[in-house]
Amino acid sequence: MLSVKNLNFFSPVSFVCKAHDRVNWLFTGVADIDADGYQDVLMRNGATGANQVWLMTRLQYRATATLPAMTDLAWRIGAVTDYNRDGFNDIVWRNHGPGAQTSAVVVWTMNRAQFLASTNIGSVPDTAWEVVGPR
């Protein structure tokens, strides 16, 4: 980090992805999923709906945790935070597609990188509204 007259400048950071299907995997969020104090990377396969978390230590990839697939590709991660106050981040999903589940919102409760349950918390019929995260 460089500091000039109380202004902080951070160097850009990059790291090499592990061997992976880089074409279809999208980075969908960053949060401390395993509660180790380091930010992890949530990823979603845009072709299959598979979901993974890259567990990280600083900028070092440590392991992959596989989450349940959401094969309906209309579902998107909207926010990640600890909604049930158990000390572990949970994942909010919103359906953006046509059909019976359009605008549905669900919360995946998590125990570190382990999926526990999916809870439907309602829907927002106006598709112009987006889940933007906790406040």
Protein backbone atom coordinates (compact mmCIF):
# COMPACT_ATOMS: atom_id res chain seq x y z
CA MET A 1 0.00 0.00 0.00
CA LEU A 2 1.27 3.47 -0.86
CA SER A 3 0.26 6.50 1.15
CA VAL A 4 0.53 10.08 -0.05
CA LYS A 5 -0.68 12.90 2.22
CA ASN A 6 -3.16 10.61 4.02
CA LEU A 7 -4.51 9.14 0.78
CA ASN A 8 -4.22 5.40 0.49
CA PHE A 9 -3.59 3.67 -2.82
CA PHE A 10 -3.84 -0.07 -3.07
CA SER A 11 -2.05 -2.05 -5.72
CA PRO A 12 -4.31 -4.06 -8.02
CA VAL A 13 -4.42 -7.69 -6.98
CA SER A 14 -4.71 -10.73 -9.17
CA PHE A 15 -4.43 -14.41 -8.59
CA VAL A 16 -4.37 -17.35 -10.94
CA CYS A 17 -7.56 -19.39 -11.03
CA LYS A 18 -7.15 -23.04 -10.31
CA ALA A 19 -7.85 -25.44 -13.17
CA HIS A 20 -11.50 -24.77 -13.85
CA ASP A 21 -14.05 -24.33 -16.60
CA ARG A 22 -13.38 -20.59 -16.77
CA VAL A 23 -15.88 -19.93 -19.55
CA ASN A 24 -19.11 -20.67 -17.69
CA TRP A 25 -18.18 -19.81 -14.10
CA LEU A 26 -19.08 -16.33 -12.88
CA PHE A 27 -17.91 -14.62 -9.72
CA THR A 28 -21.18 -13.79 -7.93
CA GLY A 29 -20.11 -12.60 -4.51
CA VAL A 30 -17.41 -12.16 -1.93
CA ALA A 31 -18.02 -12.87 1.75
CA ASP A 32 -16.47 -14.73 4.67
CA ILE A 33 -18.47 -17.93 4.19
CA ASP A 34 -16.45 -20.23 6.44
CA ALA A 35 -16.10 -17.68 9.30
CA ASP A 36 -12.30 -17.80 9.33
CA GLY A 37 -11.88 -14.04 9.02
CA TYR A 38 -10.97 -14.12 5.30
CA GLN A 39 -13.20 -13.28 2.35
CA ASP A 40 -14.21 -16.23 0.17
CA VAL A 41 -15.41 -16.18 -3.45
CA LEU A 42 -18.90 -17.37 -4.45
CA MET A 43 -19.14 -18.70 -7.98
CA ARG A 44 -22.04 -19.83 -10.16
CA ASN A 45 -21.95 -21.80 -13.38
CA GLY A 46 -24.06 -19.87 -15.89
CA ALA A 47 -24.70 -22.97 -18.00
CA THR A 48 -25.57 -25.57 -15.35
CA GLY A 49 -26.62 -23.62 -12.24
CA ALA A 50 -23.90 -25.30 -10.15
CA ASN A 51 -22.66 -23.22 -7.20
CA GLN A 52 -19.32 -23.23 -5.42
CA VAL A 53 -17.39 -21.30 -2.83
CA TRP A 54 -13.65 -20.88 -3.15
CA LEU A 55 -12.42 -20.85 0.42
CA MET A 56 -9.54 -18.42 0.64
CA THR A 57 -6.79 -17.41 3.06
CA ARG A 58 -5.85 -13.90 2.08
CA LEU A 59 -5.22 -14.25 -1.68
CA GLN A 60 -4.48 -17.97 -1.48
CA TYR A 61 -7.06 -20.48 -2.72
CA ARG A 62 -7.47 -23.17 -0.05
CA ALA A 63 -10.38 -25.43 -1.04
CA THR A 64 -13.68 -25.62 -2.90
CA ALA A 65 -17.01 -26.10 -1.14
CA THR A 66 -19.84 -27.27 -3.36
CA LEU A 67 -23.29 -25.81 -2.71
CA PRO A 68 -26.60 -27.12 -4.08
CA ALA A 69 -27.25 -26.33 -7.72
CA MET A 70 -30.02 -23.92 -8.77
CA THR A 71 -30.65 -25.36 -12.22
CA ASP A 72 -33.22 -22.67 -13.01
CA LEU A 73 -30.77 -20.07 -14.31
CA ALA A 74 -33.22 -17.26 -13.54
CA TRP A 75 -32.10 -17.39 -9.88
CA ARG A 76 -29.37 -14.88 -8.96
CA ILE A 77 -27.55 -14.17 -5.72
CA GLY A 78 -28.76 -10.85 -4.34
CA ALA A 79 -26.95 -10.55 -1.01
CA VAL A 80 -24.77 -12.40 1.47
CA THR A 81 -24.88 -11.67 5.21
CA ASP A 82 -25.83 -13.31 8.51
CA TYR A 83 -29.62 -13.12 8.45
CA ASN A 84 -30.38 -15.55 11.29
CA ARG A 85 -27.69 -14.21 13.64
CA ASP A 86 -25.89 -17.52 14.13
CA GLY A 87 -22.49 -16.06 13.22
CA PHE A 88 -22.42 -17.48 9.67
CA ASN A 89 -23.22 -15.69 6.43
CA ASP A 90 -26.40 -16.72 4.61
CA ILE A 91 -27.22 -16.29 0.90
CA VAL A 92 -30.25 -14.43 -0.52
CA TRP A 93 -31.50 -15.48 -3.96
CA ARG A 94 -34.04 -13.79 -6.25
CA ASN A 95 -35.72 -15.29 -9.28
CA HIS A 96 -35.59 -12.97 -12.30
CA GLY A 97 -37.23 -15.20 -14.87
CA PRO A 98 -40.68 -15.89 -16.23
CA GLY A 99 -42.95 -18.48 -14.69
CA ALA A 100 -44.47 -19.32 -11.35
CA GLN A 101 -41.40 -18.35 -9.32
CA THR A 102 -40.82 -14.96 -10.93
CA SER A 103 -39.70 -12.45 -8.30
CA ALA A 104 -39.53 -15.07 -5.52
CA VAL A 105 -36.92 -14.39 -2.84
CA VAL A 106 -35.35 -17.16 -0.77
CA VAL A 107 -32.67 -17.27 1.91
CA TRP A 108 -30.23 -20.14 2.14
CA THR A 109 -29.20 -20.52 5.76
CA MET A 110 -25.65 -21.73 6.04
CA ASN A 111 -23.34 -23.25 8.65
CA ARG A 112 -20.02 -22.02 7.37
CA ALA A 113 -19.83 -23.43 3.81
CA GLN A 114 -22.52 -26.04 4.45
CA PHE A 115 -26.06 -25.43 3.15
CA LEU A 116 -28.69 -25.99 5.87
CA ALA A 117 -32.08 -24.93 4.48
CA SER A 118 -33.88 -22.77 1.95
CA THR A 119 -36.62 -20.45 3.24
CA ASN A 120 -39.03 -18.60 0.95
CA ILE A 121 -39.37 -15.08 2.32
CA GLY A 122 -41.84 -13.78 -0.26
CA SER A 123 -41.76 -12.12 -3.62
CA VAL A 124 -41.40 -8.68 -5.11
CA PRO A 125 -43.63 -8.61 -8.22
CA ASP A 126 -42.06 -5.47 -9.67
CA THR A 127 -39.00 -6.83 -11.50
CA ALA A 128 -37.48 -3.34 -11.53
CA TRP A 129 -36.65 -3.86 -7.83
CA GLU A 130 -33.33 -5.57 -7.03
CA VAL A 131 -31.93 -7.13 -3.88
CA VAL A 132 -28.86 -5.02 -3.19
CA GLY A 133 -27.71 -6.32 0.18
CA PRO A 134 -28.05 -5.66 3.87
CA ARG A 135 -28.19 -2.21 5.35
